[in-house]
Amino acid sequence: MGRPRTNDDAVGERLVSCATEMFATHRPEGVTVRALAAAAETSTGAVYTLFGGKDGLVAEVRGRAVAGLFQDLSTVAVSGDPLADLRALAAAYRGWAVAHRHLYAVLFGGAQRFDPSGEVGSGDPVRPLLAAIDRAVTSAVLAGEPTLIALSLWVTLHGLVSLELAGALDSATLDRAFGSTIDATLRGWAPARAGGPPLP
């Protein structure tokens, strides 16, 4: 009879869950293999067996965060109105961040230091945003370099979401301000129109 598996999928999931919270809320020096194992009620050996060490666990957590955000943004339907699509993407971004605040912190604001330029491949969460911006530029409702437009929109989103997650703005206040703030950012990229109507 073989030895029972102690480092199984359930242990791996506990490690990922504990690591996600710790990476988001603890300083790097406090997130040791020993601390991770203790939080997940397993041995340090499990970290090495299942993930090859702390770096492998970091990669797993970051990969799940990237994949989760990409999945939610990718479910936003493409319509004939790229500005409406951008507003919908902004709402989806906020929704994912609020529902997965520790994963969001791992990607964009946790105490643990991550390389934001790490490879993410075809599941890069910025792809749906850039695609919508490209459609808006092609249809002449926005004008500018798509990557710069995406950066300005992300800065706006990240600022709003970070304030909400930190408790500096309650959800009701942000609900009132969110759409108008996103629209103001988009209006900043509207093409100049002599005597034309402003961007809605």
Protein backbone atom coordinates (compact mmCIF):
# COMPACT_ATOMS: atom_id res chain seq x y z
CA MET A 1 0.00 0.00 0.00
CA GLY A 2 1.48 3.35 -1.05
CA ARG A 3 2.01 6.31 1.23
CA PRO A 4 -0.95 8.74 1.34
CA ARG A 5 -0.53 11.88 -0.67
CA THR A 6 0.02 14.78 1.67
CA ASN A 7 1.03 17.36 -0.92
CA ASP A 8 -2.12 17.14 -3.02
CA ASP A 9 -4.29 19.66 -4.87
CA ALA A 10 -6.09 20.67 -1.67
CA VAL A 11 -2.79 21.61 -0.03
CA GLY A 12 -1.79 23.49 -3.17
CA GLU A 13 -5.03 25.47 -3.12
CA ARG A 14 -4.54 26.34 0.56
CA LEU A 15 -1.03 27.56 -0.20
CA VAL A 16 -2.24 29.68 -3.11
CA SER A 17 -5.05 31.16 -1.03
CA CYS A 18 -2.79 31.98 1.92
CA ALA A 19 -0.04 33.28 -0.35
CA THR A 20 -2.48 35.57 -2.17
CA GLU A 21 -3.52 37.23 1.09
CA MET A 22 0.01 37.41 2.45
CA PHE A 23 1.51 38.79 -0.76
CA ALA A 24 -1.16 41.49 -0.75
CA THR A 25 -0.87 42.50 2.89
CA HIS A 26 2.62 41.68 4.19
CA ARG A 27 6.04 43.14 3.59
CA PRO A 28 8.36 40.94 1.50
CA GLU A 29 10.58 40.03 4.44
CA GLY A 30 7.57 38.65 6.32
CA VAL A 31 6.52 36.27 3.55
CA THR A 32 8.90 33.38 4.01
CA VAL A 33 8.42 29.79 2.96
CA ARG A 34 8.04 28.91 6.62
CA ALA A 35 5.36 31.57 7.14
CA LEU A 36 3.48 30.48 4.02
CA ALA A 37 3.54 26.85 5.10
CA ALA A 38 2.37 27.71 8.61
CA ALA A 39 -0.52 29.80 7.30
CA ALA A 40 -1.62 26.92 5.05
CA GLU A 41 -1.13 24.38 7.87
CA THR A 42 1.34 22.33 5.89
CA SER A 43 5.07 21.73 5.73
CA THR A 44 7.73 23.83 4.02
CA GLY A 45 8.39 20.77 1.89
CA ALA A 46 4.97 21.17 0.31
CA VAL A 47 5.93 24.57 -1.06
CA TYR A 48 8.93 23.05 -2.81
CA THR A 49 7.17 19.88 -3.92
CA LEU A 50 4.14 21.63 -5.39
CA PHE A 51 5.64 24.92 -6.62
CA GLY A 52 9.40 24.50 -6.62
CA GLY A 53 9.76 27.11 -3.90
CA LYS A 54 8.52 30.59 -3.08
CA ASP A 55 9.21 31.97 -6.56
CA GLY A 56 7.03 29.30 -8.10
CA LEU A 57 4.22 30.14 -5.69
CA VAL A 58 4.60 33.82 -6.52
CA ALA A 59 4.31 32.97 -10.22
CA GLU A 60 1.19 30.87 -9.60
CA VAL A 61 -0.56 33.64 -7.67
CA ARG A 62 0.36 36.28 -10.20
CA GLY A 63 -0.72 34.01 -13.05
CA ARG A 64 -4.12 33.49 -11.48
CA ALA A 65 -4.57 37.21 -10.98
CA VAL A 66 -3.69 37.97 -14.60
CA ALA A 67 -5.91 35.17 -15.91
CA GLY A 68 -8.86 36.18 -13.73
CA LEU A 69 -8.80 39.81 -14.78
CA PHE A 70 -8.35 38.86 -18.44
CA GLN A 71 -11.29 36.45 -18.28
CA ASP A 72 -13.65 39.04 -16.81
CA LEU A 73 -12.63 41.73 -19.29
CA SER A 74 -12.89 39.28 -22.18
CA THR A 75 -16.53 38.55 -21.36
CA VAL A 76 -17.49 42.16 -22.15
CA ALA A 77 -19.40 42.03 -25.42
CA VAL A 78 -18.15 43.95 -28.43
CA SER A 79 -20.76 46.35 -29.79
CA GLY A 80 -20.91 48.90 -32.56
CA ASP A 81 -20.15 51.64 -30.02
CA PRO A 82 -16.50 51.51 -28.89
CA LEU A 83 -17.05 54.18 -26.23
CA ALA A 84 -19.83 52.10 -24.68
CA ASP A 85 -17.47 49.12 -24.80
CA LEU A 86 -14.79 51.12 -22.97
CA ARG A 87 -17.27 52.11 -20.29
CA ALA A 88 -18.31 48.46 -19.93
CA LEU A 89 -14.66 47.38 -19.67
CA ALA A 90 -14.08 49.98 -16.97
CA ALA A 91 -17.05 48.65 -15.00
CA ALA A 92 -15.82 45.07 -15.42
CA TYR A 93 -12.35 46.08 -14.20
CA ARG A 94 -13.83 47.67 -11.09
CA GLY A 95 -16.09 44.67 -10.48
CA TRP A 96 -13.21 42.20 -10.67
CA ALA A 97 -11.05 44.31 -8.38
CA VAL A 98 -13.75 44.59 -5.71
CA ALA A 99 -14.53 40.87 -5.90
CA HIS A 100 -10.83 39.86 -5.82
CA ARG A 101 -9.18 42.58 -3.77
CA HIS A 102 -6.18 40.50 -2.72
CA LEU A 103 -5.48 39.36 -6.26
CA TYR A 104 -5.85 42.97 -7.39
CA ALA A 105 -3.36 44.06 -4.76
CA VAL A 106 -0.95 41.35 -5.89
CA LEU A 107 -1.02 42.81 -9.39
CA PHE A 108 -1.15 46.52 -8.70
CA GLY A 109 -0.70 47.56 -5.11
CA GLY A 110 0.41 44.90 -2.67
CA ALA A 111 3.24 45.17 -0.20
CA GLN A 112 4.97 42.31 -2.00
CA ARG A 113 7.07 43.51 -4.91
CA PHE A 114 6.29 42.01 -8.30
CA ASP A 115 7.73 42.66 -11.71
CA PRO A 116 4.88 44.38 -13.61
CA SER A 117 6.61 43.67 -16.91
CA GLY A 118 6.56 39.89 -16.44
CA GLU A 119 5.40 37.84 -19.40
CA VAL A 120 1.67 37.22 -19.53
CA GLY A 121 1.32 36.02 -23.12
CA SER A 122 -1.95 36.08 -25.01
CA GLY A 123 -3.95 36.48 -21.79
CA ASP A 124 -2.74 40.03 -21.14
CA PRO A 125 -5.66 41.91 -19.52
CA VAL A 126 -4.77 45.06 -21.46
CA ARG A 127 -5.66 43.40 -24.78
CA PRO A 128 -9.47 43.89 -24.55
CA LEU A 129 -8.90 47.53 -23.57
CA LEU A 130 -6.48 48.18 -26.44
CA ALA A 131 -8.83 46.48 -28.90
CA ALA A 132 -11.69 48.77 -27.88
CA ILE A 133 -9.43 51.82 -28.08
CA ASP A 134 -8.26 50.76 -31.53
CA ARG A 135 -11.89 50.56 -32.65
CA ALA A 136 -12.56 54.01 -31.17
CA VAL A 137 -9.54 55.53 -32.95
CA THR A 138 -10.45 53.84 -36.24
CA SER A 139 -13.99 55.20 -36.02
CA ALA A 140 -12.59 58.66 -35.14
CA VAL A 141 -14.35 59.03 -31.79
CA LEU A 142 -10.96 59.08 -30.05
CA ALA A 143 -7.69 60.47 -31.38
CA GLY A 144 -4.21 59.61 -30.16
CA GLU A 145 -1.73 56.83 -29.62
CA PRO A 146 -3.75 53.82 -28.37
CA THR A 147 -1.17 52.81 -25.77
CA LEU A 148 -1.18 56.34 -24.30
CA ILE A 149 -4.98 56.40 -24.24
CA ALA A 150 -4.95 53.00 -22.50
CA LEU A 151 -2.43 54.26 -19.95
CA SER A 152 -4.47 57.34 -19.09
CA LEU A 153 -7.64 55.28 -18.74
CA TRP A 154 -5.88 52.70 -16.58
CA VAL A 155 -4.43 55.43 -14.32
CA THR A 156 -7.95 56.77 -13.82
CA LEU A 157 -9.37 53.30 -13.15
CA HIS A 158 -6.58 52.33 -10.79
CA GLY A 159 -6.96 55.54 -8.82
CA LEU A 160 -10.70 55.13 -8.40
CA VAL A 161 -10.49 51.44 -7.55
CA SER A 162 -7.59 51.89 -5.13
CA LEU A 163 -9.53 54.55 -3.22
CA GLU A 164 -12.54 52.25 -3.02
CA LEU A 165 -10.51 49.25 -1.85
CA ALA A 166 -8.73 51.38 0.76
CA GLY A 167 -12.08 52.56 2.12
CA ALA A 168 -11.35 56.18 1.23
CA LEU A 169 -14.44 56.25 -0.98
CA ASP A 170 -17.53 54.23 -0.20
CA SER A 171 -19.18 52.30 -2.99
CA ALA A 172 -22.20 54.61 -3.16
CA THR A 173 -20.00 57.68 -3.64
CA LEU A 174 -17.92 55.91 -6.24
CA ASP A 175 -21.05 54.71 -8.03
CA ARG A 176 -22.01 58.36 -8.54
CA ALA A 177 -18.55 59.48 -9.62
CA PHE A 178 -17.32 56.48 -11.60
CA GLY A 179 -19.07 56.96 -14.93
CA SER A 180 -18.53 60.72 -15.09
CA THR A 181 -14.82 60.33 -14.26
CA ILE A 182 -14.31 57.70 -16.97
CA ASP A 183 -16.20 59.90 -19.44
CA ALA A 184 -14.03 62.89 -18.53
CA THR A 185 -10.91 60.85 -19.29
CA LEU A 186 -12.32 59.75 -22.64
CA ARG A 187 -13.31 63.34 -23.51
CA GLY A 188 -9.67 64.30 -23.07
CA TRP A 189 -8.88 62.07 -26.07
CA ALA A 190 -11.73 63.29 -28.27
CA PRO A 191 -10.64 64.62 -31.67
CA ALA A 192 -10.79 68.36 -32.19
CA ARG A 193 -13.99 69.29 -33.98
CA ALA A 194 -14.52 72.78 -35.24
CA GLY A 195 -18.02 73.64 -34.09
CA GLY A 196 -18.77 69.95 -33.59
CA PRO A 197 -20.65 68.49 -30.63
CA PRO A 198 -18.62 67.42 -27.57
CA LEU A 199 -17.96 63.77 -26.85
CA PRO A 200 -21.03 62.40 -25.01
